Amino acid sequence: MSNKRKRRFGDRKEGRKLRTLNPITRAMPFIMPRRSDALNYFTEKLDITEAEKFCREQTRAGRKNFSLLHVIIASYLRVVSQRPSINRFVSGQTIYARNNIEVLMTIKKKMALDAEDTCIKVEFEPTDTVYDVYDKFNKVVEANKGDTDGNATEDFAKILNYIPRFLLRFVIWLIKTLDYYGLLPKAILNLSPFHGSLIVTSMGSLGIRPIYHHIYDFGNLPVFVAYGAKQYGLKMNDEGEVVKYRYIEMKVTTDERICDGYYYASAFKMMKKIFENPRILENPPEQVLEDID
């Protein structure tokens, strides 16, 4: 990964500046300075036949609550290992390659209407298998569920909540300005729910279809993935027969400034193929590709 490179002038704490981009790509953050100017929307149906079978096997093997979420995250990591440009981000109107892979998710501490939400951030490697994803993700989830006192992100938000409104506007302006110039302390970047590789949400746990979720102008998250409840559909198999199958719908919102549509299409086609053949994820990738200089 790029975090093994020596940091150079112009790099940020969370990523390295891409210096060999073509002129059009380099100009895009100036043409579309806000992330909300550059949102693209994409939807896909993922056949869950093999993934569900795989999850049942893992549950029987003792991996409690092994789910489609783990397969989705592991599939995305595998894509990043082969299509590293989707792990770029835009900050300060400059495009960077992220040093690591950080996945965010909002979870409920309890499955109840009045239960509090909390945001978790989990760091992964492009070499992680689906078992690594399960272990790392569940460790963080368990630490933030139930009657815990909260995590660092919540604690930081509570501090902001105590600041008077007239002063809070200045504090938020200051944070945004520091972020623009890459001067935010690493401690804030580590707990910020607005900085990372991917944010994912499961609408399926609520029993509804997914939505196209916006990406925040603040921070540098480039991709938002939402997936919904399991459904039945019809499709044609390899023998030309119409068969019934189960699927989930996935809706994706992306920042188009980090890479072009052809690259995104290639990445999500790869993700679909991997997700529908999850045994690929039991072993690390044979090689990990690195983004350009």
C-alpha atoms as a PDB file:
ATOM      1  CA  MET A   1       0.000   0.000   0.000  1.00  0.00           C
ATOM      2  CA  SER A   2       1.012   3.610  -0.515  1.00  0.00           C
ATOM      3  CA  ASN A   3       1.487   4.187   3.226  1.00  0.00           C
ATOM      4  CA  LYS A   4       4.867   2.433   2.880  1.00  0.00           C
ATOM      5  CA  ARG A   5       6.095   5.256   0.626  1.00  0.00           C
ATOM      6  CA  LYS A   6       8.128   8.106   2.017  1.00  0.00           C
ATOM      7  CA  ARG A   7       5.935  11.143   2.583  1.00  0.00           C
ATOM      8  CA  ARG A   8       6.643  14.011   0.182  1.00  0.00           C
ATOM      9  CA  PHE A   9       5.769  17.694   0.148  1.00  0.00           C
ATOM     10  CA  GLY A  10       2.100  18.083  -0.784  1.00  0.00           C
ATOM     11  CA  ASP A  11       1.028  14.743   0.700  1.00  0.00           C
ATOM     12  CA  ARG A  12      -1.546  14.584   3.462  1.00  0.00           C
ATOM     13  CA  LYS A  13      -1.608  12.519   6.639  1.00  0.00           C
ATOM     14  CA  GLU A  14      -4.206  10.178   5.134  1.00  0.00           C
ATOM     15  CA  GLY A  15      -2.970  10.025   1.555  1.00  0.00           C
ATOM     16  CA  ARG A  16      -0.352  10.869  -1.050  1.00  0.00           C
ATOM     17  CA  LYS A  17      -0.820  13.458  -3.755  1.00  0.00           C
ATOM     18  CA  LEU A  18      -1.168  12.024  -7.273  1.00  0.00           C
ATOM     19  CA  ARG A  19       1.293  13.901  -9.439  1.00  0.00           C
ATOM     20  CA  THR A  20       0.919  12.156 -12.823  1.00  0.00           C
ATOM     21  CA  LEU A  21      -2.825  12.585 -13.365  1.00  0.00           C
ATOM     22  CA  ASN A  22      -3.947  13.718 -16.805  1.00  0.00           C
ATOM     23  CA  PRO A  23      -4.817  17.448 -16.987  1.00  0.00           C
ATOM     24  CA  ILE A  24      -8.580  16.945 -17.261  1.00  0.00           C
ATOM     25  CA  THR A  25      -8.744  14.719 -14.172  1.00  0.00           C
ATOM     26  CA  ARG A  26      -6.560  17.146 -12.231  1.00  0.00           C
ATOM     27  CA  ALA A  27      -8.866  20.030 -13.175  1.00  0.00           C
ATOM     28  CA  MET A  28     -12.108  18.288 -12.143  1.00  0.00           C
ATOM     29  CA  PRO A  29     -11.971  19.346  -8.459  1.00  0.00           C
ATOM     30  CA  PHE A  30     -11.773  22.975  -9.628  1.00  0.00           C
ATOM     31  CA  ILE A  31     -14.599  22.588 -12.139  1.00  0.00           C
ATOM     32  CA  MET A  32     -16.683  20.803  -9.476  1.00  0.00           C
ATOM     33  CA  PRO A  33     -15.298  22.054  -6.158  1.00  0.00           C
ATOM     34  CA  ARG A  34     -18.037  20.501  -4.027  1.00  0.00           C
ATOM     35  CA  ARG A  35     -18.593  16.781  -3.661  1.00  0.00           C
ATOM     36  CA  SER A  36     -22.327  17.334  -4.069  1.00  0.00           C
ATOM     37  CA  ASP A  37     -21.567  18.731  -7.566  1.00  0.00           C
ATOM     38  CA  ALA A  38     -19.919  15.459  -8.580  1.00  0.00           C
ATOM     39  CA  LEU A  39     -22.271  12.702  -7.465  1.00  0.00           C
ATOM     40  CA  ASN A  40     -22.986   9.738  -9.723  1.00  0.00           C
ATOM     41  CA  TYR A  41     -25.600   7.114  -8.912  1.00  0.00           C
ATOM     42  CA  PHE A  42     -25.450   3.425  -9.707  1.00  0.00           C
ATOM     43  CA  THR A  43     -27.664   0.418  -8.906  1.00  0.00           C
ATOM     44  CA  GLU A  44     -26.999  -3.312  -9.179  1.00  0.00           C
ATOM     45  CA  LYS A  45     -28.734  -6.568  -8.259  1.00  0.00           C
ATOM     46  CA  LEU A  46     -26.514  -9.083  -6.489  1.00  0.00           C
ATOM     47  CA  ASP A  47     -27.461 -12.762  -6.655  1.00  0.00           C
ATOM     48  CA  ILE A  48     -27.125 -14.016  -3.068  1.00  0.00           C
ATOM     49  CA  THR A  49     -27.519 -17.746  -3.746  1.00  0.00           C
ATOM     50  CA  GLU A  50     -23.863 -18.655  -3.201  1.00  0.00           C
ATOM     51  CA  ALA A  51     -23.249 -15.929  -0.620  1.00  0.00           C
ATOM     52  CA  GLU A  52     -26.119 -17.160   1.585  1.00  0.00           C
ATOM     53  CA  LYS A  53     -24.856 -20.728   1.315  1.00  0.00           C
ATOM     54  CA  PHE A  54     -21.386 -19.520   2.271  1.00  0.00           C
ATOM     55  CA  CYS A  55     -22.741 -17.554   5.255  1.00  0.00           C
ATOM     56  CA  ARG A  56     -24.667 -20.587   6.542  1.00  0.00           C
ATOM     57  CA  GLU A  57     -21.493 -22.685   6.346  1.00  0.00           C
ATOM     58  CA  GLN A  58     -19.540 -20.101   8.327  1.00  0.00           C
ATOM     59  CA  THR A  59     -22.269 -19.868  10.958  1.00  0.00           C
ATOM     60  CA  ARG A  60     -22.266 -23.643  11.383  1.00  0.00           C
ATOM     61  CA  ALA A  61     -18.482 -23.469  11.698  1.00  0.00           C
ATOM     62  CA  GLY A  62     -18.873 -21.237  14.758  1.00  0.00           C
ATOM     63  CA  ARG A  63     -18.641 -17.747  13.265  1.00  0.00           C
ATOM     64  CA  LYS A  64     -21.653 -16.216  14.957  1.00  0.00           C
ATOM     65  CA  ASN A  65     -23.687 -13.682  12.938  1.00  0.00           C
ATOM     66  CA  PHE A  66     -21.593 -14.173   9.797  1.00  0.00           C
ATOM     67  CA  SER A  67     -23.594 -12.246   7.198  1.00  0.00           C
ATOM     68  CA  LEU A  68     -23.802 -10.785   3.726  1.00  0.00           C
ATOM     69  CA  LEU A  69     -22.322  -7.570   5.129  1.00  0.00           C
ATOM     70  CA  HIS A  70     -18.992  -9.302   5.715  1.00  0.00           C
ATOM     71  CA  VAL A  71     -19.017 -10.641   2.151  1.00  0.00           C
ATOM     72  CA  ILE A  72     -19.870  -7.198   0.732  1.00  0.00           C
ATOM     73  CA  ILE A  73     -17.027  -5.490   2.612  1.00  0.00           C
ATOM     74  CA  ALA A  74     -14.563  -8.257   1.732  1.00  0.00           C
ATOM     75  CA  SER A  75     -15.602  -8.018  -1.934  1.00  0.00           C
ATOM     76  CA  TYR A  76     -14.982  -4.277  -1.917  1.00  0.00           C
ATOM     77  CA  LEU A  77     -11.536  -4.730  -0.350  1.00  0.00           C
ATOM     78  CA  ARG A  78     -10.648  -7.247  -3.023  1.00  0.00           C
ATOM     79  CA  VAL A  79     -11.683  -4.764  -5.705  1.00  0.00           C
ATOM     80  CA  VAL A  80      -9.510  -2.066  -4.110  1.00  0.00           C
ATOM     81  CA  SER A  81      -6.574  -4.478  -4.298  1.00  0.00           C
ATOM     82  CA  GLN A  82      -7.059  -4.713  -8.080  1.00  0.00           C
ATOM     83  CA  ARG A  83      -8.636  -1.323  -8.882  1.00  0.00           C
ATOM     84  CA  PRO A  84      -6.839   0.991  -6.404  1.00  0.00           C
ATOM     85  CA  SER A  85      -8.121   4.223  -7.957  1.00  0.00           C
ATOM     86  CA  ILE A  86     -11.527   3.774  -6.287  1.00  0.00           C
ATOM     87  CA  ASN A  87      -9.698   4.328  -3.004  1.00  0.00           C
ATOM     88  CA  ARG A  88      -8.715   7.866  -3.963  1.00  0.00           C
ATOM     89  CA  PHE A  89     -10.211  10.978  -2.403  1.00  0.00           C
ATOM     90  CA  VAL A  90     -10.465  14.708  -3.060  1.00  0.00           C
ATOM     91  CA  SER A  91      -9.393  17.228  -0.432  1.00  0.00           C
ATOM     92  CA  GLY A  92      -8.399  20.843  -0.929  1.00  0.00           C
ATOM     93  CA  GLN A  93      -9.345  20.510  -4.633  1.00  0.00           C
ATOM     94  CA  THR A  94      -6.543  17.958  -5.059  1.00  0.00           C
ATOM     95  CA  ILE A  95      -6.773  14.219  -5.736  1.00  0.00           C
ATOM     96  CA  TYR A  96      -4.954  11.804  -3.402  1.00  0.00           C
ATOM     97  CA  ALA A  97      -4.414   8.057  -3.113  1.00  0.00           C
ATOM     98  CA  ARG A  98      -5.506   6.953   0.353  1.00  0.00           C
ATOM     99  CA  ASN A  99      -2.870   5.308   2.529  1.00  0.00           C
ATOM    100  CA  ASN A 100      -5.238   2.717   3.967  1.00  0.00           C
ATOM    101  CA  ILE A 101      -8.753   1.329   3.572  1.00  0.00           C
ATOM    102  CA  GLU A 102     -11.258   2.653   6.127  1.00  0.00           C
ATOM    103  CA  VAL A 103     -14.862   1.440   6.116  1.00  0.00           C
ATOM    104  CA  LEU A 104     -17.529   3.292   8.093  1.00  0.00           C
ATOM    105  CA  MET A 105     -20.966   2.180   9.182  1.00  0.00           C
ATOM    106  CA  THR A 106     -23.685   3.518  11.448  1.00  0.00           C
ATOM    107  CA  ILE A 107     -25.082   0.891  13.795  1.00  0.00           C
ATOM    108  CA  LYS A 108     -27.790   0.844  16.430  1.00  0.00           C
ATOM    109  CA  LYS A 109     -26.645  -0.091  19.900  1.00  0.00           C
ATOM    110  CA  LYS A 110     -29.902  -2.031  20.280  1.00  0.00           C
ATOM    111  CA  MET A 111     -32.596  -2.997  17.769  1.00  0.00           C
ATOM    112  CA  ALA A 112     -35.200  -0.582  19.102  1.00  0.00           C
ATOM    113  CA  LEU A 113     -36.789   2.616  17.787  1.00  0.00           C
ATOM    114  CA  ASP A 114     -35.427   4.689  20.656  1.00  0.00           C
ATOM    115  CA  ALA A 115     -31.963   3.100  20.618  1.00  0.00           C
ATOM    116  CA  GLU A 116     -28.999   5.374  19.995  1.00  0.00           C
ATOM    117  CA  ASP A 117     -26.986   5.260  16.772  1.00  0.00           C
ATOM    118  CA  THR A 118     -23.219   5.173  16.768  1.00  0.00           C
ATOM    119  CA  CYS A 119     -20.736   5.396  13.905  1.00  0.00           C
ATOM    120  CA  ILE A 120     -17.870   2.938  13.708  1.00  0.00           C
ATOM    121  CA  LYS A 121     -14.753   3.031  11.546  1.00  0.00           C
ATOM    122  CA  VAL A 122     -12.746  -0.102  10.778  1.00  0.00           C
ATOM    123  CA  GLU A 123      -9.354  -0.155   9.070  1.00  0.00           C
ATOM    124  CA  PHE A 124      -8.570  -2.962   6.641  1.00  0.00           C
ATOM    125  CA  GLU A 125      -5.766  -4.100   4.364  1.00  0.00           C
ATOM    126  CA  PRO A 126      -6.167  -4.977   0.656  1.00  0.00           C
ATOM    127  CA  THR A 127      -4.804  -8.445   1.483  1.00  0.00           C
ATOM    128  CA  ASP A 128      -7.558  -9.166   4.025  1.00  0.00           C
ATOM    129  CA  THR A 129      -9.650 -12.295   3.512  1.00  0.00           C
ATOM    130  CA  VAL A 130     -13.330 -12.541   4.378  1.00  0.00           C
ATOM    131  CA  TYR A 131     -12.277 -14.091   7.704  1.00  0.00           C
ATOM    132  CA  ASP A 132     -10.083 -11.085   8.486  1.00  0.00           C
ATOM    133  CA  VAL A 133     -13.061  -8.839   7.700  1.00  0.00           C
ATOM    134  CA  TYR A 134     -15.296 -10.839  10.027  1.00  0.00           C
ATOM    135  CA  ASP A 135     -12.805 -10.676  12.909  1.00  0.00           C
ATOM    136  CA  LYS A 136     -11.911  -6.985  12.545  1.00  0.00           C
ATOM    137  CA  PHE A 137     -15.432  -5.741  11.899  1.00  0.00           C
ATOM    138  CA  ASN A 138     -17.152  -7.753  14.621  1.00  0.00           C
ATOM    139  CA  LYS A 139     -14.530  -6.746  17.191  1.00  0.00           C
ATOM    140  CA  VAL A 140     -15.342  -3.071  16.639  1.00  0.00           C
ATOM    141  CA  VAL A 141     -19.115  -3.667  16.491  1.00  0.00           C
ATOM    142  CA  GLU A 142     -19.162  -5.592  19.757  1.00  0.00           C
ATOM    143  CA  ALA A 143     -17.125  -2.878  21.450  1.00  0.00           C
ATOM    144  CA  ASN A 144     -19.739  -0.283  20.480  1.00  0.00           C
ATOM    145  CA  LYS A 145     -23.004  -2.135  21.096  1.00  0.00           C
ATOM    146  CA  GLY A 146     -25.113  -2.432  24.196  1.00  0.00           C
ATOM    147  CA  ASP A 147     -24.763  -0.091  27.141  1.00  0.00           C
ATOM    148  CA  THR A 148     -21.253   1.125  26.425  1.00  0.00           C
ATOM    149  CA  ASP A 149     -20.439   4.722  27.253  1.00  0.00           C
ATOM    150  CA  GLY A 150     -19.774   5.605  23.624  1.00  0.00           C
ATOM    151  CA  ASN A 151     -16.817   5.789  21.314  1.00  0.00           C
ATOM    152  CA  ALA A 152     -14.322   8.536  20.489  1.00  0.00           C
ATOM    153  CA  THR A 153     -16.507   9.872  17.664  1.00  0.00           C
ATOM    154  CA  GLU A 154     -19.456  10.312  20.026  1.00  0.00           C
ATOM    155  CA  ASP A 155     -17.257  11.913  22.653  1.00  0.00           C
ATOM    156  CA  PHE A 156     -15.977  14.444  20.118  1.00  0.00           C
ATOM    157  CA  ALA A 157     -19.541  15.207  18.962  1.00  0.00           C
ATOM    158  CA  LYS A 158     -20.603  15.762  22.597  1.00  0.00           C
ATOM    159  CA  ILE A 159     -17.795  18.266  23.054  1.00  0.00           C
ATOM    160  CA  LEU A 160     -19.025  20.213  20.010  1.00  0.00           C
ATOM    161  CA  ASN A 161     -22.554  20.078  21.419  1.00  0.00           C
ATOM    162  CA  TYR A 162     -21.468  22.013  24.511  1.00  0.00           C
ATOM    163  CA  ILE A 163     -20.060  24.910  22.469  1.00  0.00           C
ATOM    164  CA  PRO A 164     -22.422  27.926  22.151  1.00  0.00           C
ATOM    165  CA  ARG A 165     -23.983  28.319  18.711  1.00  0.00           C
ATOM    166  CA  PHE A 166     -22.219  31.582  17.806  1.00  0.00           C
ATOM    167  CA  LEU A 167     -18.862  30.013  18.665  1.00  0.00           C
ATOM    168  CA  LEU A 168     -19.682  26.632  17.093  1.00  0.00           C
ATOM    169  CA  ARG A 169     -19.990  28.252  13.660  1.00  0.00           C
ATOM    170  CA  PHE A 170     -16.424  29.501  13.992  1.00  0.00           C
ATOM    171  CA  VAL A 171     -15.163  26.112  15.254  1.00  0.00           C
ATOM    172  CA  ILE A 172     -16.745  24.285  12.299  1.00  0.00           C
ATOM    173  CA  TRP A 173     -15.303  26.872   9.888  1.00  0.00           C
ATOM    174  CA  LEU A 174     -11.879  26.378  11.455  1.00  0.00           C
ATOM    175  CA  ILE A 175     -12.122  22.574  11.179  1.00  0.00           C
ATOM    176  CA  LYS A 176     -13.136  22.833   7.505  1.00  0.00           C
ATOM    177  CA  THR A 177     -10.282  25.250   6.783  1.00  0.00           C
ATOM    178  CA  LEU A 178      -7.718  23.039   8.491  1.00  0.00           C
ATOM    179  CA  ASP A 179      -9.099  20.053   6.574  1.00  0.00           C
ATOM    180  CA  TYR A 180      -8.831  21.920   3.246  1.00  0.00           C
ATOM    181  CA  TYR A 181      -5.126  22.524   3.793  1.00  0.00           C
ATOM    182  CA  GLY A 182      -4.451  19.075   5.276  1.00  0.00           C
ATOM    183  CA  LEU A 183      -3.755  20.418   8.745  1.00  0.00           C
ATOM    184  CA  LEU A 184      -6.347  18.484  10.763  1.00  0.00           C
ATOM    185  CA  PRO A 185      -4.692  16.501  13.560  1.00  0.00           C
ATOM    186  CA  LYS A 186      -4.435  12.750  12.894  1.00  0.00           C
ATOM    187  CA  ALA A 187      -6.484  12.093  16.027  1.00  0.00           C
ATOM    188  CA  ILE A 188      -9.491  13.928  14.534  1.00  0.00           C
ATOM    189  CA  LEU A 189      -9.078  12.197  11.164  1.00  0.00           C
ATOM    190  CA  ASN A 190      -9.071   8.807  12.895  1.00  0.00           C
ATOM    191  CA  LEU A 191     -12.408   9.384  14.579  1.00  0.00           C
ATOM    192  CA  SER A 192     -14.127  11.491  11.914  1.00  0.00           C
ATOM    193  CA  PRO A 193     -17.141   9.772  10.269  1.00  0.00           C
ATOM    194  CA  PHE A 194     -16.606  12.032   7.221  1.00  0.00           C
ATOM    195  CA  HIS A 195     -13.127  10.768   6.315  1.00  0.00           C
ATOM    196  CA  GLY A 196     -12.609   7.273   4.922  1.00  0.00           C
ATOM    197  CA  SER A 197     -12.738   4.978   1.911  1.00  0.00           C
ATOM    198  CA  LEU A 198     -16.331   3.797   2.017  1.00  0.00           C
ATOM    199  CA  ILE A 199     -19.447   4.165   4.094  1.00  0.00           C
ATOM    200  CA  VAL A 200     -21.942   1.315   3.949  1.00  0.00           C
ATOM    201  CA  THR A 201     -25.479   0.984   5.280  1.00  0.00           C
ATOM    202  CA  SER A 202     -27.823  -1.985   5.433  1.00  0.00           C
ATOM    203  CA  MET A 203     -31.436  -1.099   4.760  1.00  0.00           C
ATOM    204  CA  GLY A 204     -32.150  -4.827   4.719  1.00  0.00           C
ATOM    205  CA  SER A 205     -32.016  -4.943   8.516  1.00  0.00           C
ATOM    206  CA  LEU A 206     -34.917  -2.472   8.420  1.00  0.00           C
ATOM    207  CA  GLY A 207     -36.804  -4.598   5.890  1.00  0.00           C
ATOM    208  CA  ILE A 208     -36.824  -1.965   3.135  1.00  0.00           C
ATOM    209  CA  ARG A 209     -35.186  -1.347  -0.226  1.00  0.00           C
ATOM    210  CA  PRO A 210     -31.974   0.725  -0.367  1.00  0.00           C
ATOM    211  CA  ILE A 211     -31.773   4.439  -1.039  1.00  0.00           C
ATOM    212  CA  TYR A 212     -29.289   6.599  -2.914  1.00  0.00           C
ATOM    213  CA  HIS A 213     -27.560   8.264  -0.002  1.00  0.00           C
ATOM    214  CA  HIS A 214     -25.763  11.570  -0.499  1.00  0.00           C
ATOM    215  CA  ILE A 215     -22.048  11.991   0.167  1.00  0.00           C
ATOM    216  CA  TYR A 216     -21.056  14.808   2.490  1.00  0.00           C
ATOM    217  CA  ASP A 217     -19.263  17.892   1.200  1.00  0.00           C
ATOM    218  CA  PHE A 218     -17.278  17.974   4.430  1.00  0.00           C
ATOM    219  CA  GLY A 219     -14.502  15.381   4.698  1.00  0.00           C
ATOM    220  CA  ASN A 220     -13.376  13.170   1.837  1.00  0.00           C
ATOM    221  CA  LEU A 221     -15.538  10.038   1.663  1.00  0.00           C
ATOM    222  CA  PRO A 222     -15.819   9.133  -2.066  1.00  0.00           C
ATOM    223  CA  VAL A 223     -18.270   6.190  -2.044  1.00  0.00           C
ATOM    224  CA  PHE A 224     -21.543   5.413  -0.240  1.00  0.00           C
ATOM    225  CA  VAL A 225     -23.030   1.906  -0.587  1.00  0.00           C
ATOM    226  CA  ALA A 226     -26.539   1.017   0.570  1.00  0.00           C
ATOM    227  CA  TYR A 227     -28.123  -2.412   0.194  1.00  0.00           C
ATOM    228  CA  GLY A 228     -31.638  -3.556   0.932  1.00  0.00           C
ATOM    229  CA  ALA A 229     -33.841  -6.439   1.957  1.00  0.00           C
ATOM    230  CA  LYS A 230     -33.635  -9.813   0.237  1.00  0.00           C
ATOM    231  CA  GLN A 231     -35.984 -10.197  -2.726  1.00  0.00           C
ATOM    232  CA  TYR A 232     -36.974 -12.780  -5.312  1.00  0.00           C
ATOM    233  CA  GLY A 233     -36.534 -12.259  -9.032  1.00  0.00           C
ATOM    234  CA  LEU A 234     -36.375 -14.064 -12.357  1.00  0.00           C
ATOM    235  CA  LYS A 235     -33.338 -14.423 -14.593  1.00  0.00           C
ATOM    236  CA  MET A 236     -32.098 -16.565 -17.467  1.00  0.00           C
ATOM    237  CA  ASN A 237     -29.485 -19.206 -16.645  1.00  0.00           C
ATOM    238  CA  ASP A 238     -26.646 -20.452 -18.866  1.00  0.00           C
ATOM    239  CA  GLU A 239     -28.983 -23.017 -20.458  1.00  0.00           C
ATOM    240  CA  GLY A 240     -31.428 -20.319 -21.527  1.00  0.00           C
ATOM    241  CA  GLU A 241     -34.023 -21.256 -18.906  1.00  0.00           C
ATOM    242  CA  VAL A 242     -35.871 -18.698 -16.780  1.00  0.00           C
ATOM    243  CA  VAL A 243     -35.198 -19.444 -13.117  1.00  0.00           C
ATOM    244  CA  LYS A 244     -36.201 -17.899  -9.811  1.00  0.00           C
ATOM    245  CA  TYR A 245     -33.441 -16.520  -7.609  1.00  0.00           C
ATOM    246  CA  ARG A 246     -32.840 -14.423  -4.498  1.00  0.00           C
ATOM    247  CA  TYR A 247     -31.037 -11.124  -4.673  1.00  0.00           C
ATOM    248  CA  ILE A 248     -30.317  -7.896  -2.859  1.00  0.00           C
ATOM    249  CA  GLU A 249     -30.371  -4.512  -4.507  1.00  0.00           C
ATOM    250  CA  MET A 250     -27.291  -2.345  -4.021  1.00  0.00           C
ATOM    251  CA  LYS A 251     -27.339   1.396  -4.640  1.00  0.00           C
ATOM    252  CA  VAL A 252     -24.060   3.285  -4.857  1.00  0.00           C
ATOM    253  CA  THR A 253     -23.259   6.995  -4.785  1.00  0.00           C
ATOM    254  CA  THR A 254     -19.793   7.953  -5.983  1.00  0.00           C
ATOM    255  CA  ASP A 255     -17.580  11.005  -6.308  1.00  0.00           C
ATOM    256  CA  GLU A 256     -16.888  11.028 -10.056  1.00  0.00           C
ATOM    257  CA  ARG A 257     -13.798  13.217  -9.697  1.00  0.00           C
ATOM    258  CA  ILE A 258     -11.532  10.442  -8.422  1.00  0.00           C
ATOM    259  CA  CYS A 259     -11.728   8.216 -11.526  1.00  0.00           C
ATOM    260  CA  ASP A 260     -13.690   7.927 -14.760  1.00  0.00           C
ATOM    261  CA  GLY A 261     -16.896   6.015 -15.453  1.00  0.00           C
ATOM    262  CA  TYR A 262     -15.157   3.176 -17.306  1.00  0.00           C
ATOM    263  CA  TYR A 263     -12.940   2.532 -14.279  1.00  0.00           C
ATOM    264  CA  TYR A 264     -15.891   2.630 -11.870  1.00  0.00           C
ATOM    265  CA  ALA A 265     -17.851   0.245 -14.141  1.00  0.00           C
ATOM    266  CA  SER A 266     -14.925  -2.169 -14.218  1.00  0.00           C
ATOM    267  CA  ALA A 267     -14.614  -2.028 -10.426  1.00  0.00           C
ATOM    268  CA  PHE A 268     -18.282  -2.699  -9.669  1.00  0.00           C
ATOM    269  CA  LYS A 269     -18.526  -5.462 -12.289  1.00  0.00           C
ATOM    270  CA  MET A 270     -15.598  -7.084 -10.510  1.00  0.00           C
ATOM    271  CA  MET A 271     -17.272  -6.606  -7.123  1.00  0.00           C
ATOM    272  CA  LYS A 272     -20.464  -8.291  -8.357  1.00  0.00           C
ATOM    273  CA  LYS A 273     -18.522 -11.251  -9.739  1.00  0.00           C
ATOM    274  CA  ILE A 274     -16.561 -11.698  -6.515  1.00  0.00           C
ATOM    275  CA  PHE A 275     -19.615 -11.314  -4.267  1.00  0.00           C
ATOM    276  CA  GLU A 276     -21.488 -13.966  -6.229  1.00  0.00           C
ATOM    277  CA  ASN A 277     -18.481 -16.316  -5.902  1.00  0.00           C
ATOM    278  CA  PRO A 278     -17.491 -15.655  -2.264  1.00  0.00           C
ATOM    279  CA  ARG A 279     -15.082 -18.569  -1.906  1.00  0.00           C
ATOM    280  CA  ILE A 280     -12.586 -16.398  -3.776  1.00  0.00           C
ATOM    281  CA  LEU A 281     -12.413 -14.340  -0.580  1.00  0.00           C
ATOM    282  CA  GLU A 282     -11.154 -17.194   1.598  1.00  0.00           C
ATOM    283  CA  ASN A 283      -7.613 -16.509   0.390  1.00  0.00           C
ATOM    284  CA  PRO A 284      -5.728 -13.203  -0.041  1.00  0.00           C
ATOM    285  CA  PRO A 285      -5.259 -11.818  -3.563  1.00  0.00           C
ATOM    286  CA  GLU A 286      -2.298 -13.155  -5.547  1.00  0.00           C
ATOM    287  CA  GLN A 287      -1.076  -9.589  -6.038  1.00  0.00           C
ATOM    288  CA  VAL A 288      -1.995  -6.094  -4.899  1.00  0.00           C
ATOM    289  CA  LEU A 289      -1.872  -3.330  -7.486  1.00  0.00           C
ATOM    290  CA  GLU A 290      -0.818   0.191  -6.527  1.00  0.00           C
ATOM    291  CA  ASP A 291      -2.170   3.487  -7.807  1.00  0.00           C
ATOM    292  CA  ILE A 292      -0.148   5.773 -10.069  1.00  0.00           C
ATOM    293  CA  ASP A 293       2.407   8.291  -8.767  1.00  0.00           C
END
